[in-house]
C-alpha atoms as a PDB file:
ATOM      1  CA  MET A   1     -33.966 249.257 -62.428  1.00  0.00           C
ATOM      2  CA  ILE A   2     -30.326 248.613 -61.477  1.00  0.00           C
ATOM      3  CA  TRP A   3     -28.532 249.439 -58.236  1.00  0.00           C
ATOM      4  CA  PHE A   4     -24.741 249.325 -58.569  1.00  0.00           C
ATOM      5  CA  ILE A   5     -23.072 248.740 -55.191  1.00  0.00           C
ATOM      6  CA  CYS A   6     -19.524 250.052 -55.354  1.00  0.00           C
ATOM      7  CA  SER A   7     -16.596 251.208 -53.222  1.00  0.00           C
ATOM      8  CA  GLY A   8     -13.361 253.107 -53.595  1.00  0.00           C
ATOM      9  CA  SER A   9     -11.345 250.685 -51.455  1.00  0.00           C
ATOM     10  CA  GLY A  10     -11.597 247.166 -50.093  1.00  0.00           C
ATOM     11  CA  GLY A  11     -12.950 246.120 -46.708  1.00  0.00           C
ATOM     12  CA  THR A  12     -15.818 248.614 -46.539  1.00  0.00           C
ATOM     13  CA  GLY A  13     -18.600 246.053 -46.091  1.00  0.00           C
ATOM     14  CA  LYS A  14     -19.823 246.637 -49.657  1.00  0.00           C
ATOM     15  CA  SER A  15     -20.966 243.054 -50.226  1.00  0.00           C
ATOM     16  CA  SER A  16     -22.794 242.963 -46.880  1.00  0.00           C
ATOM     17  CA  ALA A  17     -24.603 246.159 -47.889  1.00  0.00           C
ATOM     18  CA  ALA A  18     -25.485 244.644 -51.278  1.00  0.00           C
ATOM     19  CA  ALA A  19     -26.886 241.489 -49.667  1.00  0.00           C
ATOM     20  CA  ALA A  20     -28.831 243.479 -47.058  1.00  0.00           C
ATOM     21  CA  LEU A  21     -30.382 245.780 -49.675  1.00  0.00           C
ATOM     22  CA  ALA A  22     -31.318 242.785 -51.818  1.00  0.00           C
ATOM     23  CA  GLN A  23     -32.964 240.994 -48.868  1.00  0.00           C
ATOM     24  CA  THR A  24     -34.857 244.140 -47.885  1.00  0.00           C
ATOM     25  CA  GLU A  25     -36.300 244.792 -51.331  1.00  0.00           C
ATOM     26  CA  ALA A  26     -37.231 241.121 -51.801  1.00  0.00           C
ATOM     27  CA  ALA A  27     -39.004 241.163 -48.421  1.00  0.00           C
ATOM     28  CA  ALA A  28     -40.958 244.205 -49.674  1.00  0.00           C
ATOM     29  CA  GLY A  29     -42.358 242.079 -52.503  1.00  0.00           C
ATOM     30  CA  LYS A  30     -39.984 242.862 -55.367  1.00  0.00           C
ATOM     31  CA  SER A  31     -38.435 240.275 -57.628  1.00  0.00           C
ATOM     32  CA  VAL A  32     -34.700 240.832 -57.075  1.00  0.00           C
ATOM     33  CA  ILE A  33     -31.580 239.414 -58.712  1.00  0.00           C
ATOM     34  CA  LEU A  34     -28.196 239.989 -57.080  1.00  0.00           C
ATOM     35  CA  LEU A  35     -25.359 239.842 -59.589  1.00  0.00           C
ATOM     36  CA  ASP A  36     -22.046 239.130 -57.858  1.00  0.00           C
ATOM     37  CA  ALA A  37     -19.412 240.896 -59.975  1.00  0.00           C
ATOM     38  CA  SER A  38     -16.991 241.477 -57.111  1.00  0.00           C
ATOM     39  CA  GLY A  39     -14.323 239.045 -58.276  1.00  0.00           C
ATOM     40  CA  PRO A  40     -13.052 235.671 -57.043  1.00  0.00           C
ATOM     41  CA  ALA A  41     -13.925 236.308 -53.365  1.00  0.00           C
ATOM     42  CA  HIS A  42     -17.684 236.016 -54.079  1.00  0.00           C
ATOM     43  CA  THR A  43     -18.708 237.145 -50.599  1.00  0.00           C
ATOM     44  CA  CYS A  44     -22.388 237.439 -51.432  1.00  0.00           C
ATOM     45  CA  ASP A  45     -22.986 233.734 -51.974  1.00  0.00           C
ATOM     46  CA  ALA A  46     -22.227 232.994 -48.314  1.00  0.00           C
ATOM     47  CA  LEU A  47     -24.279 235.995 -47.187  1.00  0.00           C
ATOM     48  CA  LEU A  48     -27.316 234.695 -49.092  1.00  0.00           C
ATOM     49  CA  GLY A  49     -26.952 231.018 -48.236  1.00  0.00           C
ATOM     50  CA  THR A  50     -25.832 229.896 -51.705  1.00  0.00           C
ATOM     51  CA  ALA A  51     -22.171 229.109 -50.918  1.00  0.00           C
ATOM     52  CA  GLY A  52     -20.972 226.258 -53.106  1.00  0.00           C
ATOM     53  CA  LYS A  53     -24.233 226.067 -55.062  1.00  0.00           C
ATOM     54  CA  ALA A  54     -23.447 228.469 -57.912  1.00  0.00           C
ATOM     55  CA  LEU A  55     -21.519 226.116 -60.195  1.00  0.00           C
ATOM     56  CA  MET A  56     -22.070 228.129 -63.382  1.00  0.00           C
ATOM     57  CA  ASP A  57     -21.729 231.846 -64.075  1.00  0.00           C
ATOM     58  CA  LEU A  58     -22.591 234.461 -66.691  1.00  0.00           C
ATOM     59  CA  GLY A  59     -19.398 233.595 -68.534  1.00  0.00           C
ATOM     60  CA  ASP A  60     -21.068 230.282 -69.382  1.00  0.00           C
ATOM     61  CA  THR A  61     -23.933 232.171 -71.040  1.00  0.00           C
ATOM     62  CA  ILE A  62     -21.523 234.276 -73.126  1.00  0.00           C
ATOM     63  CA  SER A  63     -19.722 231.139 -74.302  1.00  0.00           C
ATOM     64  CA  GLY A  64     -23.070 229.575 -75.208  1.00  0.00           C
ATOM     65  CA  GLU A  65     -22.786 226.742 -72.689  1.00  0.00           C
ATOM     66  CA  ALA A  66     -25.887 227.815 -70.735  1.00  0.00           C
ATOM     67  CA  ALA A  67     -28.926 230.070 -70.847  1.00  0.00           C
ATOM     68  CA  VAL A  68     -29.154 232.950 -68.364  1.00  0.00           C
ATOM     69  CA  SER A  69     -31.995 231.186 -66.542  1.00  0.00           C
ATOM     70  CA  ALA A  70     -29.681 228.211 -65.910  1.00  0.00           C
ATOM     71  CA  VAL A  71     -27.123 230.281 -63.979  1.00  0.00           C
ATOM     72  CA  LEU A  72     -29.667 231.896 -61.633  1.00  0.00           C
ATOM     73  CA  TYR A  73     -29.764 230.304 -58.180  1.00  0.00           C
ATOM     74  CA  GLU A  74     -32.485 230.513 -55.563  1.00  0.00           C
ATOM     75  CA  THR A  75     -31.427 231.924 -52.195  1.00  0.00           C
ATOM     76  CA  ALA A  76     -32.837 231.472 -48.706  1.00  0.00           C
ATOM     77  CA  PHE A  77     -35.052 234.511 -49.318  1.00  0.00           C
ATOM     78  CA  ARG A  78     -38.260 234.425 -51.308  1.00  0.00           C
ATOM     79  CA  GLY A  79     -38.106 236.634 -54.390  1.00  0.00           C
ATOM     80  CA  LEU A  80     -34.292 236.891 -54.324  1.00  0.00           C
ATOM     81  CA  ARG A  81     -32.054 235.047 -56.784  1.00  0.00           C
ATOM     82  CA  TYR A  82     -28.267 235.051 -57.110  1.00  0.00           C
ATOM     83  CA  VAL A  83     -25.992 234.927 -60.146  1.00  0.00           C
ATOM     84  CA  MET A  84     -22.211 235.077 -60.363  1.00  0.00           C
ATOM     85  CA  ALA A  85     -20.473 237.035 -63.145  1.00  0.00           C
ATOM     86  CA  ASP A  86     -17.215 235.076 -63.146  1.00  0.00           C
ATOM     87  CA  HIS A  87     -15.895 232.371 -60.814  1.00  0.00           C
ATOM     88  CA  GLU A  88     -12.229 233.106 -61.344  1.00  0.00           C
ATOM     89  CA  ALA A  89     -11.617 236.753 -62.246  1.00  0.00           C
ATOM     90  CA  VAL A  90     -12.818 240.319 -61.793  1.00  0.00           C
ATOM     91  CA  PRO A  91     -15.208 240.752 -64.732  1.00  0.00           C
ATOM     92  CA  VAL A  92     -15.054 243.584 -67.249  1.00  0.00           C
ATOM     93  CA  LEU A  93     -18.727 244.492 -67.108  1.00  0.00           C
ATOM     94  CA  ALA A  94     -18.853 245.972 -70.616  1.00  0.00           C
ATOM     95  CA  GLU A  95     -18.560 242.376 -71.857  1.00  0.00           C
ATOM     96  CA  TYR A  96     -21.835 241.516 -70.078  1.00  0.00           C
ATOM     97  CA  THR A  97     -24.111 244.156 -71.625  1.00  0.00           C
ATOM     98  CA  GLU A  98     -26.504 241.653 -73.216  1.00  0.00           C
ATOM     99  CA  SER A  99     -26.614 239.665 -69.986  1.00  0.00           C
ATOM    100  CA  PHE A 100     -27.501 242.836 -68.070  1.00  0.00           C
ATOM    101  CA  LEU A 101     -30.415 243.495 -70.397  1.00  0.00           C
ATOM    102  CA  THR A 102     -31.645 239.903 -70.064  1.00  0.00           C
ATOM    103  CA  LEU A 103     -31.368 239.954 -66.257  1.00  0.00           C
ATOM    104  CA  GLN A 104     -33.230 243.287 -66.113  1.00  0.00           C
ATOM    105  CA  SER A 105     -36.120 241.760 -68.042  1.00  0.00           C
ATOM    106  CA  MET A 106     -36.343 238.924 -65.496  1.00  0.00           C
ATOM    107  CA  CYS A 107     -36.774 240.989 -62.316  1.00  0.00           C
ATOM    108  CA  ASP A 108     -38.018 244.253 -60.801  1.00  0.00           C
ATOM    109  CA  LEU A 109     -34.596 245.172 -59.420  1.00  0.00           C
ATOM    110  CA  LEU A 110     -31.110 244.083 -60.441  1.00  0.00           C
ATOM    111  CA  ILE A 111     -28.469 244.703 -57.742  1.00  0.00           C
ATOM    112  CA  VAL A 112     -24.847 244.501 -58.885  1.00  0.00           C
ATOM    113  CA  ASP A 113     -22.121 243.958 -56.286  1.00  0.00           C
ATOM    114  CA  MET A 114     -19.216 245.502 -58.198  1.00  0.00           C
ATOM    115  CA  SER A 115     -15.491 245.049 -57.673  1.00  0.00           C
ATOM    116  CA  THR A 116     -13.534 247.855 -56.031  1.00  0.00           C
ATOM    117  CA  GLY A 117     -13.151 250.849 -58.343  1.00  0.00           C
ATOM    118  CA  ASP A 118     -14.422 250.950 -61.919  1.00  0.00           C
ATOM    119  CA  SER A 119     -15.450 247.627 -63.465  1.00  0.00           C
ATOM    120  CA  GLY A 120     -15.624 248.902 -67.043  1.00  0.00           C
ATOM    121  CA  LEU A 121     -19.362 249.526 -67.184  1.00  0.00           C
ATOM    122  CA  ASP A 122     -21.061 250.115 -70.508  1.00  0.00           C
ATOM    123  CA  ALA A 123     -22.730 253.526 -70.132  1.00  0.00           C
ATOM    124  CA  GLU A 124     -25.413 252.433 -72.612  1.00  0.00           C
ATOM    125  CA  ILE A 125     -27.159 250.269 -70.005  1.00  0.00           C
ATOM    126  CA  ILE A 126     -27.450 253.019 -67.355  1.00  0.00           C
ATOM    127  CA  ARG A 127     -30.651 255.050 -67.065  1.00  0.00           C
ATOM    128  CA  GLU A 128     -31.652 258.024 -64.943  1.00  0.00           C
ATOM    129  CA  GLU A 129     -33.700 255.881 -62.546  1.00  0.00           C
ATOM    130  CA  ASP A 130     -30.718 253.622 -61.806  1.00  0.00           C
ATOM    131  CA  ARG A 131     -28.603 254.238 -58.721  1.00  0.00           C
ATOM    132  CA  PHE A 132     -24.943 253.979 -57.732  1.00  0.00           C
ATOM    133  CA  ILE A 133     -24.572 253.211 -54.025  1.00  0.00           C
ATOM    134  CA  LEU A 134     -21.052 253.946 -52.835  1.00  0.00           C
ATOM    135  CA  VAL A 135     -20.043 252.220 -49.587  1.00  0.00           C
ATOM    136  CA  THR A 136     -17.094 253.618 -47.623  1.00  0.00           C
ATOM    137  CA  ARG A 137     -15.677 253.687 -44.123  1.00  0.00           C
ATOM    138  CA  GLY A 138     -15.352 256.962 -42.253  1.00  0.00           C
ATOM    139  CA  ASP A 139     -11.558 257.109 -41.958  1.00  0.00           C
ATOM    140  CA  PHE A 140      -9.580 259.633 -43.986  1.00  0.00           C
ATOM    141  CA  LEU A 141      -7.971 257.185 -46.451  1.00  0.00           C
ATOM    142  CA  SER A 142     -11.285 255.487 -47.229  1.00  0.00           C
ATOM    143  CA  LEU A 143     -13.007 258.826 -47.778  1.00  0.00           C
ATOM    144  CA  ARG A 144     -10.248 259.953 -50.146  1.00  0.00           C
ATOM    145  CA  ALA A 145     -10.650 256.761 -52.160  1.00  0.00           C
ATOM    146  CA  ALA A 146     -14.424 257.289 -52.143  1.00  0.00           C
ATOM    147  CA  GLU A 147     -13.925 260.829 -53.445  1.00  0.00           C
ATOM    148  CA  GLN A 148     -12.332 259.519 -56.646  1.00  0.00           C
ATOM    149  CA  SER A 149     -15.121 256.972 -57.117  1.00  0.00           C
ATOM    150  CA  LEU A 150     -17.836 259.592 -56.563  1.00  0.00           C
ATOM    151  CA  ASP A 151     -16.345 261.799 -59.261  1.00  0.00           C
ATOM    152  CA  HIS A 152     -16.219 258.827 -61.614  1.00  0.00           C
ATOM    153  CA  PHE A 153     -19.740 257.488 -61.072  1.00  0.00           C
ATOM    154  CA  ARG A 154     -21.387 260.907 -61.268  1.00  0.00           C
ATOM    155  CA  ARG A 155     -20.412 260.980 -64.942  1.00  0.00           C
ATOM    156  CA  TYR A 156     -22.912 258.250 -65.733  1.00  0.00           C
ATOM    157  CA  GLY A 157     -25.813 260.590 -64.942  1.00  0.00           C
ATOM    158  CA  ALA A 158     -27.620 258.249 -62.530  1.00  0.00           C
ATOM    159  CA  GLU A 159     -28.446 258.916 -58.873  1.00  0.00           C
ATOM    160  CA  VAL A 160     -25.458 258.497 -56.526  1.00  0.00           C
ATOM    161  CA  SER A 161     -26.021 257.558 -52.883  1.00  0.00           C
ATOM    162  CA  LEU A 162     -23.443 257.281 -50.112  1.00  0.00           C
ATOM    163  CA  ILE A 163     -23.282 254.824 -47.203  1.00  0.00           C
ATOM    164  CA  VAL A 164     -20.657 255.259 -44.481  1.00  0.00           C
ATOM    165  CA  ASN A 165     -20.200 251.836 -42.882  1.00  0.00           C
ATOM    166  CA  GLN A 166     -18.320 250.224 -39.972  1.00  0.00           C
ATOM    167  CA  ILE A 167     -18.252 253.313 -37.737  1.00  0.00           C
ATOM    168  CA  PRO A 168     -16.529 252.084 -34.527  1.00  0.00           C
ATOM    169  CA  ASP A 169     -18.317 254.436 -32.103  1.00  0.00           C
ATOM    170  CA  THR A 170     -22.083 254.334 -31.772  1.00  0.00           C
ATOM    171  CA  ASP A 171     -22.853 257.440 -29.681  1.00  0.00           C
ATOM    172  CA  ARG A 172     -24.622 260.353 -31.335  1.00  0.00           C
ATOM    173  CA  HIS A 173     -21.651 262.709 -31.024  1.00  0.00           C
ATOM    174  CA  ALA A 174     -19.302 260.275 -32.830  1.00  0.00           C
ATOM    175  CA  LEU A 175     -21.798 259.699 -35.638  1.00  0.00           C
ATOM    176  CA  ARG A 176     -22.208 263.455 -36.088  1.00  0.00           C
ATOM    177  CA  ASN A 177     -18.422 263.844 -36.291  1.00  0.00           C
ATOM    178  CA  VAL A 178     -18.248 261.196 -39.027  1.00  0.00           C
ATOM    179  CA  GLN A 179     -21.039 262.909 -40.964  1.00  0.00           C
ATOM    180  CA  GLU A 180     -19.288 266.283 -40.744  1.00  0.00           C
ATOM    181  CA  LYS A 181     -15.948 264.768 -41.798  1.00  0.00           C
ATOM    182  CA  THR A 182     -17.631 263.046 -44.741  1.00  0.00           C
ATOM    183  CA  GLU A 183     -19.344 266.245 -45.856  1.00  0.00           C
ATOM    184  CA  MET A 184     -16.099 268.205 -45.552  1.00  0.00           C
ATOM    185  CA  THR A 185     -14.040 265.631 -47.469  1.00  0.00           C
ATOM    186  CA  LEU A 186     -16.547 264.684 -50.157  1.00  0.00           C
ATOM    187  CA  GLY A 187     -18.907 267.657 -50.275  1.00  0.00           C
ATOM    188  CA  TYR A 188     -21.623 265.043 -50.005  1.00  0.00           C
ATOM    189  CA  THR A 189     -24.123 264.235 -47.252  1.00  0.00           C
ATOM    190  CA  PRO A 190     -24.270 260.494 -46.466  1.00  0.00           C
ATOM    191  CA  ASP A 191     -27.618 258.798 -47.044  1.00  0.00           C
ATOM    192  CA  CYS A 192     -26.830 256.412 -44.210  1.00  0.00           C
ATOM    193  CA  LEU A 193     -24.377 256.006 -41.318  1.00  0.00           C
ATOM    194  CA  ILE A 194     -23.932 252.438 -40.073  1.00  0.00           C
ATOM    195  CA  PRO A 195     -22.260 251.895 -36.684  1.00  0.00           C
ATOM    196  CA  TRP A 196     -20.301 248.679 -36.315  1.00  0.00           C
ATOM    197  CA  ARG A 197     -21.929 246.382 -33.770  1.00  0.00           C
ATOM    198  CA  PRO A 198     -20.054 243.073 -33.665  1.00  0.00           C
ATOM    199  CA  GLU A 199     -22.366 240.152 -33.066  1.00  0.00           C
ATOM    200  CA  LYS A 200     -21.660 237.383 -30.585  1.00  0.00           C
ATOM    201  CA  GLU A 201     -20.359 234.160 -31.996  1.00  0.00           C
ATOM    202  CA  ASN A 202     -23.306 232.438 -33.591  1.00  0.00           C
ATOM    203  CA  PRO A 203     -22.983 228.734 -34.401  1.00  0.00           C
ATOM    204  CA  LYS A 204     -24.899 228.980 -37.678  1.00  0.00           C
ATOM    205  CA  ALA A 205     -24.759 226.030 -39.987  1.00  0.00           C
ATOM    206  CA  ALA A 206     -22.521 226.314 -43.024  1.00  0.00           C
ATOM    207  CA  GLY A 207     -24.462 227.814 -45.897  1.00  0.00           C
ATOM    208  CA  GLU A 208     -26.912 229.665 -43.662  1.00  0.00           C
ATOM    209  CA  PRO A 209     -27.315 233.391 -44.474  1.00  0.00           C
ATOM    210  CA  ARG A 210     -25.338 235.727 -42.232  1.00  0.00           C
ATOM    211  CA  VAL A 211     -25.629 239.499 -42.732  1.00  0.00           C
ATOM    212  CA  ASN A 212     -24.831 241.689 -39.704  1.00  0.00           C
ATOM    213  CA  ALA A 213     -28.015 242.847 -37.949  1.00  0.00           C
ATOM    214  CA  ALA A 214     -26.910 246.507 -37.881  1.00  0.00           C
ATOM    215  CA  VAL A 215     -26.405 246.470 -41.655  1.00  0.00           C
ATOM    216  CA  LEU A 216     -29.814 244.836 -42.209  1.00  0.00           C
ATOM    217  CA  GLN A 217     -31.518 247.427 -40.022  1.00  0.00           C
ATOM    218  CA  ALA A 218     -29.795 250.290 -41.844  1.00  0.00           C
ATOM    219  CA  ALA A 219     -30.726 248.796 -45.235  1.00  0.00           C
ATOM    220  CA  ALA A 220     -34.393 248.576 -44.213  1.00  0.00           C
ATOM    221  CA  GLU A 221     -34.430 252.220 -43.117  1.00  0.00           C
ATOM    222  CA  LEU A 222     -32.632 253.345 -46.264  1.00  0.00           C
ATOM    223  CA  CYS A 223     -34.944 251.465 -48.647  1.00  0.00           C
ATOM    224  CA  ARG A 224     -37.974 252.860 -46.834  1.00  0.00           C
ATOM    225  CA  LYS A 225     -36.541 256.365 -47.216  1.00  0.00           C
ATOM    226  CA  TRP A 226     -35.961 255.881 -50.956  1.00  0.00           C
ATOM    227  CA  ARG A 227     -39.443 254.417 -51.488  1.00  0.00           C
ATOM    228  CA  ASN A 228     -40.873 257.548 -49.863  1.00  0.00           C
ATOM    229  CA  GLY A 229     -38.898 259.709 -52.279  1.00  0.00           C
ATOM    230  CA  ASN A 230     -36.465 261.117 -49.704  1.00  0.00           C
END
């Protein structure tokens, strides 16, 4: 199974959501691989405690310099491994079709942190049980960008889920307003609303995992909901 984590615009917290979902499913006993295809920023490696450790990427397997197993890196979380698509550029994912198939055979769940917009996916690798998870903010411009992405990813025929992230107000009335605005703009009910709760400065050591607690909590609730078929 593959979960594609995507967004219509930058700065939505997409990579944090990808890392949180990967941690949650690994903690539930699944073998998970997180493929970082988000481009040169590579946010997920810091979120998973692998910053500076991933010296090779899937491009090295395509060139024949390494096997896929050699570019998989252990993270701080049991059952969760990390692989980078390309160190230097936003990858065209259609070029990685064989790598996708190999990675799928090596885990229960492959989570792909995609770049903003369409990354040139090969429709041949997508099955009905796979899922696109679109992460957006609740402001008007972000929702409009998400609308275009929703229309695009629906064409693949897989399940599409929607996360509205970084909501500045946490009271029930504000969250309901964001849900109504999202439904009005997108014609789509969000699977999850995540309020933004900034954490106090935490002197964590460099390389230590650091996903926002509110995002982790929301990911746990969302995965539980999906496992129960809701």
